[in-house]
Amino acid sequence: MRLLLPASVSEARECLARGAVPVGGATLVWAAWQQDGFPELAVSLRHVPEANVVSSESLGSAVILGQIDDRVPGVLRRAAGTVGTGAVRRTATVGGNVVGSSLRCLLPAALALDARATVLEPDGVFRTDLAEVVAKRKVLLSLEWRRPVADGYRKLPAEAGGPPPFVVAVAVHAAEDGVGRRLRVA
């Protein structure tokens, strides 16, 4: 397997056009690759600037969960803080968690924020909803949302290897017309 490390969106698109398989969620797909065989080409977005953004209204897919800080809404920060162990949070990425993992711990928080996804394909970059990203396993470049007025997150304890834990994520946004509020619960 040859790992490609593009430094721009255009280079990443070229890698995908050559048939490179994204390595987001590599900690989870590694076992499958060992069983089913490794791809000839793989691509990581870790050096693509758009995949490394951390701000009050966006989060890149190559951002490591342990690097999510108070620049993002609390609902996402708290969700990231509950993923696995410290060792997992030091290696797992946003893209791997949202697209590559079956647990998708960040997904309820992103849904509560009404986040949209910017995805990468060989023929371009476009925005779509999270349902399409998850259903079609799109190559996530980043998540974007409007800053909430308030938010919250709660994850109940669960046994490792058992059923997924119960999670509730909420976000309140000012209405687009400036009158009233909109509550989203996931």
N, C-alpha and C. Protein backbone atom coordinates (compact mmCIF):
# COMPACT_ATOMS: atom_id res chain seq x y z
N MET A 1 0.85 -1.18 0.00
CA MET A 1 0.00 0.00 0.00
C MET A 1 0.90 1.24 0.00
N ARG A 2 0.54 2.18 -0.84
CA ARG A 2 1.26 3.46 -0.90
C ARG A 2 0.34 4.53 -0.35
N LEU A 3 0.81 5.27 0.67
CA LEU A 3 0.02 6.33 1.29
C LEU A 3 0.36 7.66 0.65
N LEU A 4 -0.65 8.31 0.09
CA LEU A 4 -0.49 9.62 -0.54
C LEU A 4 -0.87 10.70 0.46
N LEU A 5 -0.06 11.77 0.53
CA LEU A 5 -0.27 12.86 1.48
C LEU A 5 -0.38 14.19 0.73
N PRO A 6 -1.52 14.45 0.10
CA PRO A 6 -1.68 15.70 -0.63
C PRO A 6 -1.63 16.91 0.30
N ALA A 7 -1.21 18.05 -0.24
CA ALA A 7 -1.11 19.28 0.55
C ALA A 7 -2.15 20.31 0.14
N SER A 8 -3.06 19.94 -0.75
CA SER A 8 -4.11 20.87 -1.18
C SER A 8 -5.34 20.07 -1.60
N VAL A 9 -6.45 20.77 -1.73
CA VAL A 9 -7.69 20.13 -2.17
C VAL A 9 -7.51 19.59 -3.59
N SER A 10 -6.88 20.35 -4.47
CA SER A 10 -6.71 19.88 -5.85
C SER A 10 -5.85 18.61 -5.90
N GLU A 11 -4.80 18.56 -5.09
CA GLU A 11 -3.97 17.34 -5.04
C GLU A 11 -4.78 16.17 -4.48
N ALA A 12 -5.60 16.42 -3.47
CA ALA A 12 -6.43 15.36 -2.89
C ALA A 12 -7.43 14.83 -3.92
N ARG A 13 -8.01 15.73 -4.71
CA ARG A 13 -8.93 15.32 -5.77
C ARG A 13 -8.22 14.43 -6.78
N GLU A 14 -6.99 14.77 -7.12
CA GLU A 14 -6.20 13.95 -8.05
C GLU A 14 -5.96 12.55 -7.47
N CYS A 15 -5.69 12.48 -6.18
CA CYS A 15 -5.48 11.18 -5.53
C CYS A 15 -6.74 10.33 -5.62
N LEU A 16 -7.89 10.94 -5.34
CA LEU A 16 -9.15 10.20 -5.44
C LEU A 16 -9.41 9.75 -6.87
N ALA A 17 -9.08 10.60 -7.84
CA ALA A 17 -9.27 10.25 -9.25
C ALA A 17 -8.39 9.06 -9.64
N ARG A 18 -7.25 8.90 -8.97
CA ARG A 18 -6.36 7.77 -9.23
C ARG A 18 -6.83 6.50 -8.51
N GLY A 19 -7.92 6.61 -7.74
CA GLY A 19 -8.46 5.44 -7.06
C GLY A 19 -7.99 5.25 -5.64
N ALA A 20 -7.33 6.26 -5.06
CA ALA A 20 -6.86 6.14 -3.68
C ALA A 20 -8.03 6.03 -2.72
N VAL A 21 -7.88 5.18 -1.73
CA VAL A 21 -8.91 4.94 -0.71
C VAL A 21 -8.60 5.84 0.48
N PRO A 22 -9.59 6.62 0.98
CA PRO A 22 -9.34 7.47 2.15
C PRO A 22 -9.03 6.63 3.39
N VAL A 23 -8.11 7.12 4.21
CA VAL A 23 -7.74 6.39 5.42
C VAL A 23 -8.43 6.93 6.67
N GLY A 24 -9.41 7.82 6.53
CA GLY A 24 -10.17 8.26 7.69
C GLY A 24 -10.79 7.06 8.38
N GLY A 25 -10.64 6.98 9.69
CA GLY A 25 -11.12 5.80 10.41
C GLY A 25 -10.13 4.66 10.30
N ALA A 26 -8.87 4.97 10.03
CA ALA A 26 -7.87 3.93 9.80
C ALA A 26 -7.75 2.96 10.96
N THR A 27 -7.96 3.44 12.18
CA THR A 27 -7.87 2.53 13.31
C THR A 27 -8.93 1.44 13.22
N LEU A 28 -10.06 1.75 12.56
CA LEU A 28 -11.12 0.77 12.41
C LEU A 28 -11.00 -0.03 11.11
N VAL A 29 -10.54 0.60 10.04
CA VAL A 29 -10.45 -0.12 8.76
C VAL A 29 -9.19 -0.97 8.66
N TRP A 30 -8.22 -0.71 9.52
CA TRP A 30 -6.98 -1.48 9.47
C TRP A 30 -7.25 -2.97 9.59
N ALA A 31 -8.11 -3.35 10.52
CA ALA A 31 -8.43 -4.77 10.71
C ALA A 31 -9.09 -5.35 9.46
N ALA A 32 -9.98 -4.59 8.85
CA ALA A 32 -10.63 -5.06 7.62
C ALA A 32 -9.60 -5.21 6.50
N TRP A 33 -8.67 -4.25 6.40
CA TRP A 33 -7.64 -4.34 5.37
C TRP A 33 -6.75 -5.55 5.60
N GLN A 34 -6.44 -5.85 6.87
CA GLN A 34 -5.60 -7.02 7.16
C GLN A 34 -6.31 -8.30 6.73
N GLN A 35 -7.61 -8.32 6.87
CA GLN A 35 -8.39 -9.50 6.50
C GLN A 35 -8.66 -9.56 5.00
N ASP A 36 -9.05 -8.43 4.41
CA ASP A 36 -9.49 -8.40 3.01
C ASP A 36 -8.41 -7.97 2.02
N GLY A 37 -7.31 -7.48 2.52
CA GLY A 37 -6.24 -7.00 1.65
C GLY A 37 -6.17 -5.48 1.64
N PHE A 38 -4.96 -4.98 1.55
CA PHE A 38 -4.73 -3.54 1.57
C PHE A 38 -4.96 -2.95 0.18
N PRO A 39 -5.47 -1.71 0.14
CA PRO A 39 -5.62 -1.06 -1.17
C PRO A 39 -4.24 -0.73 -1.74
N GLU A 40 -4.16 -0.61 -3.04
CA GLU A 40 -2.90 -0.24 -3.67
C GLU A 40 -2.50 1.19 -3.29
N LEU A 41 -3.49 2.10 -3.30
CA LEU A 41 -3.26 3.50 -2.95
C LEU A 41 -4.22 3.92 -1.84
N ALA A 42 -3.70 4.65 -0.88
CA ALA A 42 -4.52 5.24 0.17
C ALA A 42 -4.18 6.72 0.24
N VAL A 43 -5.13 7.52 0.73
CA VAL A 43 -4.90 8.96 0.82
C VAL A 43 -5.32 9.46 2.20
N SER A 44 -4.48 10.31 2.77
CA SER A 44 -4.77 10.97 4.04
C SER A 44 -4.89 12.47 3.77
N LEU A 45 -5.85 13.11 4.41
CA LEU A 45 -6.04 14.56 4.26
C LEU A 45 -5.31 15.36 5.34
N ARG A 46 -4.44 14.73 6.10
CA ARG A 46 -3.83 15.39 7.25
C ARG A 46 -3.03 16.64 6.92
N HIS A 47 -2.57 16.79 5.67
CA HIS A 47 -1.80 17.98 5.28
C HIS A 47 -2.61 18.99 4.46
N VAL A 48 -3.89 18.73 4.28
CA VAL A 48 -4.76 19.64 3.52
C VAL A 48 -5.30 20.69 4.49
N PRO A 49 -4.99 21.98 4.29
CA PRO A 49 -5.40 23.01 5.24
C PRO A 49 -6.90 23.02 5.54
N GLU A 50 -7.74 22.85 4.54
CA GLU A 50 -9.20 22.88 4.75
C GLU A 50 -9.67 21.73 5.63
N ALA A 51 -8.91 20.67 5.72
CA ALA A 51 -9.27 19.52 6.56
C ALA A 51 -8.75 19.67 7.98
N ASN A 52 -8.04 20.76 8.26
CA ASN A 52 -7.45 20.97 9.59
C ASN A 52 -7.97 22.21 10.30
N VAL A 53 -9.03 22.80 9.79
CA VAL A 53 -9.58 24.02 10.39
C VAL A 53 -10.31 23.69 11.70
N VAL A 54 -10.12 24.57 12.69
CA VAL A 54 -10.86 24.50 13.95
C VAL A 54 -11.31 25.92 14.25
N SER A 55 -12.64 26.17 14.21
CA SER A 55 -13.15 27.51 14.47
C SER A 55 -14.52 27.43 15.12
N SER A 56 -15.10 28.58 15.40
CA SER A 56 -16.41 28.62 16.05
C SER A 56 -17.53 28.12 15.15
N GLU A 57 -17.28 28.02 13.84
CA GLU A 57 -18.33 27.58 12.91
C GLU A 57 -17.88 26.50 11.94
N SER A 58 -16.70 25.91 12.16
CA SER A 58 -16.27 24.82 11.28
C SER A 58 -15.21 23.95 11.95
N LEU A 59 -15.14 22.70 11.46
CA LEU A 59 -14.20 21.73 12.00
C LEU A 59 -13.78 20.80 10.87
N GLY A 60 -12.47 20.70 10.64
CA GLY A 60 -11.95 19.88 9.56
C GLY A 60 -11.94 18.40 9.87
N SER A 61 -12.01 17.60 8.83
CA SER A 61 -12.08 16.14 8.99
C SER A 61 -10.79 15.52 9.49
N ALA A 62 -9.64 16.17 9.28
CA ALA A 62 -8.36 15.61 9.71
C ALA A 62 -7.99 16.04 11.13
N VAL A 63 -8.84 16.83 11.78
CA VAL A 63 -8.56 17.27 13.14
C VAL A 63 -8.66 16.06 14.08
N ILE A 64 -7.66 15.91 14.91
CA ILE A 64 -7.65 14.82 15.89
C ILE A 64 -8.60 15.20 17.03
N LEU A 65 -9.38 14.22 17.49
CA LEU A 65 -10.40 14.50 18.50
C LEU A 65 -9.84 15.18 19.74
N GLY A 66 -8.65 14.80 20.15
CA GLY A 66 -8.03 15.42 21.32
C GLY A 66 -7.64 16.87 21.12
N GLN A 67 -7.67 17.36 19.87
CA GLN A 67 -7.34 18.76 19.58
C GLN A 67 -8.57 19.66 19.52
N ILE A 68 -9.75 19.07 19.68
CA ILE A 68 -10.97 19.88 19.66
C ILE A 68 -11.04 20.64 20.97
N ASP A 69 -11.10 21.96 20.88
CA ASP A 69 -11.02 22.80 22.07
C ASP A 69 -12.18 23.79 22.13
N ASP A 70 -12.04 24.83 22.95
CA ASP A 70 -13.14 25.76 23.19
C ASP A 70 -13.43 26.69 22.02
N ARG A 71 -12.76 26.53 20.90
CA ARG A 71 -13.11 27.30 19.71
C ARG A 71 -14.40 26.77 19.08
N VAL A 72 -14.72 25.51 19.31
CA VAL A 72 -15.95 24.91 18.76
C VAL A 72 -17.03 24.91 19.83
N PRO A 73 -18.30 24.80 19.44
CA PRO A 73 -19.37 24.74 20.44
C PRO A 73 -19.16 23.61 21.44
N GLY A 74 -19.62 23.85 22.65
CA GLY A 74 -19.46 22.88 23.73
C GLY A 74 -20.03 21.51 23.42
N VAL A 75 -21.12 21.45 22.66
CA VAL A 75 -21.74 20.17 22.36
C VAL A 75 -20.76 19.28 21.58
N LEU A 76 -20.01 19.83 20.65
CA LEU A 76 -19.02 19.05 19.90
C LEU A 76 -17.80 18.73 20.77
N ARG A 77 -17.37 19.69 21.55
CA ARG A 77 -16.21 19.49 22.42
C ARG A 77 -16.49 18.38 23.43
N ARG A 78 -17.69 18.40 24.04
CA ARG A 78 -18.03 17.36 25.01
C ARG A 78 -18.19 16.00 24.34
N ALA A 79 -18.76 15.96 23.15
CA ALA A 79 -18.90 14.70 22.42
C ALA A 79 -17.51 14.11 22.14
N ALA A 80 -16.60 14.93 21.66
CA ALA A 80 -15.25 14.45 21.36
C ALA A 80 -14.56 13.93 22.62
N GLY A 81 -14.82 14.58 23.74
CA GLY A 81 -14.20 14.18 25.00
C GLY A 81 -14.69 12.86 25.55
N THR A 82 -15.79 12.34 25.01
CA THR A 82 -16.32 11.05 25.49
C THR A 82 -15.96 9.88 24.58
N VAL A 83 -15.23 10.15 23.52
CA VAL A 83 -14.88 9.08 22.57
C VAL A 83 -13.75 8.24 23.15
N GLY A 84 -13.99 6.96 23.31
CA GLY A 84 -12.94 6.01 23.69
C GLY A 84 -12.09 6.44 24.86
N THR A 85 -10.82 6.07 24.78
CA THR A 85 -9.84 6.41 25.82
C THR A 85 -9.00 7.59 25.34
N GLY A 86 -8.15 8.08 26.22
CA GLY A 86 -7.24 9.15 25.83
C GLY A 86 -6.37 8.76 24.64
N ALA A 87 -5.95 7.50 24.61
CA ALA A 87 -5.13 7.03 23.48
C ALA A 87 -5.92 7.12 22.17
N VAL A 88 -7.19 6.78 22.21
CA VAL A 88 -8.04 6.87 21.02
C VAL A 88 -8.19 8.32 20.61
N ARG A 89 -8.46 9.21 21.57
CA ARG A 89 -8.67 10.62 21.24
C ARG A 89 -7.41 11.29 20.72
N ARG A 90 -6.24 10.72 20.99
CA ARG A 90 -4.98 11.28 20.48
C ARG A 90 -4.69 10.83 19.05
N THR A 91 -5.47 9.90 18.51
CA THR A 91 -5.22 9.42 17.14
C THR A 91 -6.45 9.51 16.23
N ALA A 92 -7.64 9.36 16.77
CA ALA A 92 -8.86 9.36 15.95
C ALA A 92 -9.15 10.76 15.42
N THR A 93 -9.70 10.82 14.20
CA THR A 93 -10.01 12.10 13.57
C THR A 93 -11.51 12.32 13.46
N VAL A 94 -11.88 13.55 13.21
CA VAL A 94 -13.29 13.91 13.01
C VAL A 94 -13.87 13.10 11.85
N GLY A 95 -13.18 13.09 10.72
CA GLY A 95 -13.67 12.35 9.55
C GLY A 95 -13.80 10.87 9.81
N GLY A 96 -12.81 10.30 10.48
CA GLY A 96 -12.87 8.88 10.80
C GLY A 96 -14.03 8.56 11.71
N ASN A 97 -14.32 9.46 12.66
CA ASN A 97 -15.42 9.23 13.58
C ASN A 97 -16.77 9.37 12.90
N VAL A 98 -16.93 10.39 12.08
CA VAL A 98 -18.23 10.64 11.45
C VAL A 98 -18.50 9.66 10.31
N VAL A 99 -17.50 9.36 9.51
CA VAL A 99 -17.72 8.53 8.32
C VAL A 99 -17.20 7.10 8.51
N GLY A 100 -16.06 6.94 9.15
CA GLY A 100 -15.42 5.63 9.21
C GLY A 100 -15.83 4.75 10.36
N SER A 101 -16.51 5.28 11.35
CA SER A 101 -16.86 4.53 12.55
C SER A 101 -18.33 4.15 12.55
N SER A 102 -18.63 2.99 13.11
CA SER A 102 -20.05 2.62 13.26
C SER A 102 -20.67 3.31 14.47
N LEU A 103 -19.85 3.75 15.42
CA LEU A 103 -20.39 4.42 16.61
C LEU A 103 -20.72 5.88 16.34
N ARG A 104 -19.91 6.58 15.55
CA ARG A 104 -20.18 7.96 15.15
C ARG A 104 -20.53 8.86 16.34
N CYS A 105 -19.67 8.91 17.32
CA CYS A 105 -19.93 9.66 18.55
C CYS A 105 -20.16 11.16 18.32
N LEU A 106 -19.56 11.73 17.28
CA LEU A 106 -19.73 13.16 17.01
C LEU A 106 -21.02 13.46 16.25
N LEU A 107 -21.63 12.44 15.66
CA LEU A 107 -22.79 12.67 14.79
C LEU A 107 -23.97 13.32 15.51
N PRO A 108 -24.39 12.87 16.71
CA PRO A 108 -25.51 13.57 17.37
C PRO A 108 -25.24 15.05 17.60
N ALA A 109 -24.02 15.39 18.00
CA ALA A 109 -23.67 16.79 18.23
C ALA A 109 -23.74 17.58 16.92
N ALA A 110 -23.22 17.00 15.85
CA ALA A 110 -23.25 17.68 14.55
C ALA A 110 -24.69 17.84 14.06
N LEU A 111 -25.53 16.84 14.28
CA LEU A 111 -26.94 16.94 13.88
C LEU A 111 -27.66 18.01 14.69
N ALA A 112 -27.39 18.08 15.99
CA ALA A 112 -28.02 19.11 16.83
C ALA A 112 -27.62 20.50 16.35
N LEU A 113 -26.40 20.64 15.87
CA LEU A 113 -25.93 21.93 15.34
C LEU A 113 -26.45 22.22 13.94
N ASP A 114 -27.17 21.25 13.36
CA ASP A 114 -27.64 21.36 11.97
C ASP A 114 -26.46 21.58 11.03
N ALA A 115 -25.38 20.85 11.31
CA ALA A 115 -24.15 21.00 10.52
C ALA A 115 -24.35 20.51 9.09
N ARG A 116 -23.64 21.15 8.20
CA ARG A 116 -23.57 20.72 6.80
C ARG A 116 -22.14 20.21 6.58
N ALA A 117 -21.99 19.36 5.60
CA ALA A 117 -20.69 18.77 5.32
C ALA A 117 -20.15 19.28 3.99
N THR A 118 -18.86 19.55 3.97
CA THR A 118 -18.17 19.80 2.72
C THR A 118 -17.44 18.50 2.40
N VAL A 119 -17.73 17.95 1.23
CA VAL A 119 -17.15 16.66 0.84
C VAL A 119 -16.28 16.82 -0.40
N LEU A 120 -15.39 15.87 -0.54
CA LEU A 120 -14.41 15.89 -1.61
C LEU A 120 -14.67 14.72 -2.55
N GLU A 121 -14.70 15.01 -3.84
CA GLU A 121 -14.83 13.97 -4.86
C GLU A 121 -13.80 14.27 -5.95
N PRO A 122 -13.50 13.29 -6.79
CA PRO A 122 -12.51 13.54 -7.84
C PRO A 122 -12.86 14.73 -8.74
N ASP A 123 -14.16 15.00 -8.91
CA ASP A 123 -14.56 16.09 -9.81
C ASP A 123 -14.89 17.39 -9.10
N GLY A 124 -14.68 17.48 -7.80
CA GLY A 124 -14.92 18.74 -7.12
C GLY A 124 -15.21 18.62 -5.65
N VAL A 125 -15.52 19.77 -5.07
CA VAL A 125 -15.88 19.89 -3.67
C VAL A 125 -17.30 20.41 -3.62
N PHE A 126 -18.14 19.83 -2.75
CA PHE A 126 -19.50 20.34 -2.64
C PHE A 126 -20.02 20.16 -1.22
N ARG A 127 -21.10 20.89 -0.93
CA ARG A 127 -21.73 20.81 0.40
C ARG A 127 -22.95 19.92 0.32
N THR A 128 -23.17 19.17 1.39
CA THR A 128 -24.32 18.27 1.46
C THR A 128 -24.71 18.08 2.91
N ASP A 129 -25.78 17.33 3.13
CA ASP A 129 -26.20 17.07 4.51
C ASP A 129 -25.50 15.83 5.06
N LEU A 130 -25.56 15.70 6.37
CA LEU A 130 -24.86 14.60 7.03
C LEU A 130 -25.44 13.24 6.68
N ALA A 131 -26.74 13.17 6.41
CA ALA A 131 -27.35 11.89 6.05
C ALA A 131 -26.69 11.31 4.81
N GLU A 132 -26.43 12.15 3.82
CA GLU A 132 -25.78 11.66 2.59
C GLU A 132 -24.34 11.24 2.86
N VAL A 133 -23.65 11.99 3.69
CA VAL A 133 -22.26 11.66 4.01
C VAL A 133 -22.17 10.28 4.65
N VAL A 134 -23.06 10.04 5.62
CA VAL A 134 -23.03 8.76 6.34
C VAL A 134 -23.52 7.62 5.45
N ALA A 135 -24.62 7.84 4.74
CA ALA A 135 -25.20 6.77 3.91
C ALA A 135 -24.28 6.36 2.76
N LYS A 136 -23.63 7.34 2.15
CA LYS A 136 -22.81 7.05 0.97
C LYS A 136 -21.32 7.04 1.27
N ARG A 137 -20.96 7.20 2.55
CA ARG A 137 -19.56 7.19 2.98
C ARG A 137 -18.71 8.13 2.13
N LYS A 138 -19.17 9.36 2.03
CA LYS A 138 -18.46 10.39 1.27
C LYS A 138 -17.13 10.74 1.95
N VAL A 139 -16.23 11.34 1.22
CA VAL A 139 -14.95 11.79 1.77
C VAL A 139 -15.18 13.16 2.39
N LEU A 140 -15.24 13.21 3.70
CA LEU A 140 -15.53 14.43 4.43
C LEU A 140 -14.30 15.34 4.45
N LEU A 141 -14.49 16.59 4.09
CA LEU A 141 -13.43 17.59 4.17
C LEU A 141 -13.59 18.43 5.43
N SER A 142 -14.85 18.84 5.73
CA SER A 142 -15.10 19.62 6.94
C SER A 142 -16.59 19.65 7.26
N LEU A 143 -16.88 20.07 8.48
CA LEU A 143 -18.25 20.32 8.93
C LEU A 143 -18.40 21.81 9.17
N GLU A 144 -19.56 22.37 8.84
CA GLU A 144 -19.84 23.79 9.08
C GLU A 144 -21.21 23.92 9.72
N TRP A 145 -21.39 24.93 10.57
CA TRP A 145 -22.65 25.17 11.25
C TRP A 145 -22.73 26.65 11.62
N ARG A 146 -23.93 27.07 12.03
CA ARG A 146 -24.08 28.42 12.60
C ARG A 146 -23.86 28.30 14.10
N ARG A 147 -23.22 29.29 14.67
CA ARG A 147 -22.92 29.26 16.10
C ARG A 147 -24.21 29.23 16.90
N PRO A 148 -24.35 28.29 17.85
CA PRO A 148 -25.57 28.21 18.65
C PRO A 148 -25.58 29.25 19.78
N VAL A 149 -26.80 29.55 20.24
CA VAL A 149 -26.97 30.42 21.39
C VAL A 149 -26.66 29.64 22.66
N ALA A 150 -27.07 28.36 22.67
CA ALA A 150 -26.83 27.46 23.80
C ALA A 150 -26.78 26.04 23.27
N ASP A 151 -26.11 25.15 24.01
CA ASP A 151 -26.06 23.75 23.60
C ASP A 151 -25.83 22.86 24.81
N GLY A 152 -26.01 21.57 24.62
CA GLY A 152 -25.79 20.61 25.70
C GLY A 152 -25.54 19.23 25.14
N TYR A 153 -24.90 18.39 25.96
CA TYR A 153 -24.56 17.03 25.53
C TYR A 153 -24.53 16.12 26.75
N ARG A 154 -25.10 14.93 26.60
CA ARG A 154 -25.06 13.94 27.67
C ARG A 154 -24.93 12.56 27.05
N LYS A 155 -23.98 11.79 27.54
CA LYS A 155 -23.77 10.42 27.09
C LYS A 155 -23.78 9.54 28.33
N LEU A 156 -24.69 8.57 28.36
CA LEU A 156 -24.78 7.67 29.50
C LEU A 156 -23.70 6.59 29.41
N PRO A 157 -23.23 6.11 30.55
CA PRO A 157 -22.22 5.05 30.53
C PRO A 157 -22.75 3.78 29.86
N ALA A 158 -21.86 3.04 29.24
CA ALA A 158 -22.21 1.77 28.60
C ALA A 158 -21.00 0.84 28.65
N GLU A 159 -21.27 -0.45 28.62
CA GLU A 159 -20.19 -1.43 28.65
C GLU A 159 -19.47 -1.48 27.31
N ALA A 160 -18.16 -1.59 27.36
CA ALA A 160 -17.37 -1.73 26.14
C ALA A 160 -17.79 -3.01 25.43
N GLY A 161 -17.99 -2.92 24.13
CA GLY A 161 -18.40 -4.09 23.35
C GLY A 161 -19.88 -4.36 23.38
N GLY A 162 -20.63 -3.63 24.20
CA GLY A 162 -22.08 -3.80 24.28
C GLY A 162 -22.79 -2.90 23.30
N PRO A 163 -24.09 -2.73 23.51
CA PRO A 163 -24.84 -1.84 22.63
C PRO A 163 -24.34 -0.39 22.76
N PRO A 164 -24.54 0.41 21.71
CA PRO A 164 -24.10 1.81 21.78
C PRO A 164 -24.76 2.54 22.96
N PRO A 165 -24.05 3.48 23.55
CA PRO A 165 -24.61 4.22 24.68
C PRO A 165 -25.72 5.17 24.25
N PHE A 166 -26.56 5.54 25.20
CA PHE A 166 -27.61 6.53 24.95
C PHE A 166 -26.97 7.91 24.98
N VAL A 167 -27.23 8.69 23.94
CA VAL A 167 -26.64 10.03 23.80
C VAL A 167 -27.74 11.02 23.46
N VAL A 168 -27.69 12.20 24.09
CA VAL A 168 -28.58 13.30 23.73
C VAL A 168 -27.72 14.54 23.50
N ALA A 169 -27.93 15.17 22.36
CA ALA A 169 -27.24 16.42 22.03
C ALA A 169 -28.30 17.45 21.65
N VAL A 170 -28.15 18.66 22.17
CA VAL A 170 -29.11 19.73 21.86
C VAL A 170 -28.36 21.01 21.50
N ALA A 171 -29.00 21.81 20.66
CA ALA A 171 -28.46 23.13 20.32
C ALA A 171 -29.62 24.07 20.05
N VAL A 172 -29.49 25.29 20.54
CA VAL A 172 -30.48 26.34 20.31
C VAL A 172 -29.81 27.39 19.42
N HIS A 173 -30.49 27.72 18.33
CA HIS A 173 -30.00 28.75 17.40
C HIS A 173 -30.99 29.90 17.34
N ALA A 174 -30.48 31.09 17.14
CA ALA A 174 -31.37 32.22 16.87
C ALA A 174 -32.01 31.97 15.51
N ALA A 175 -33.28 32.33 15.39
CA ALA A 175 -33.97 32.17 14.11
C ALA A 175 -33.29 33.03 13.06
N GLU A 176 -33.33 32.60 11.82
CA GLU A 176 -32.64 33.32 10.75
C GLU A 176 -33.15 34.75 10.59
N ASP A 177 -34.44 34.98 10.91
CA ASP A 177 -35.00 36.33 10.80
C ASP A 177 -34.72 37.17 12.05
N GLY A 178 -34.02 36.56 13.03
CA GLY A 178 -33.67 37.29 14.25
C GLY A 178 -34.76 37.28 15.30
N VAL A 179 -35.92 36.71 14.98
CA VAL A 179 -37.04 36.66 15.93
C VAL A 179 -37.21 35.21 16.38
N GLY A 180 -37.10 34.98 17.68
CA GLY A 180 -37.31 33.64 18.21
C GLY A 180 -36.06 32.78 18.18
N ARG A 181 -36.26 31.53 18.57
CA ARG A 181 -35.18 30.56 18.66
C ARG A 181 -35.61 29.25 18.02
N ARG A 182 -34.63 28.44 17.65
CA ARG A 182 -34.89 27.12 17.08
C ARG A 182 -34.09 26.10 17.87
N LEU A 183 -34.78 25.07 18.39
CA LEU A 183 -34.16 24.01 19.18
C LEU A 183 -34.04 22.75 18.33
N ARG A 184 -32.85 22.16 18.31
CA ARG A 184 -32.64 20.87 17.63
C ARG A 184 -32.12 19.88 18.66
N VAL A 185 -32.71 18.69 18.64
CA VAL A 185 -32.33 17.62 19.56
C VAL A 185 -31.97 16.39 18.74
N ALA A 186 -30.87 15.77 19.08
CA ALA A 186 -30.46 14.53 18.39
C ALA A 186 -30.04 13.51 19.43
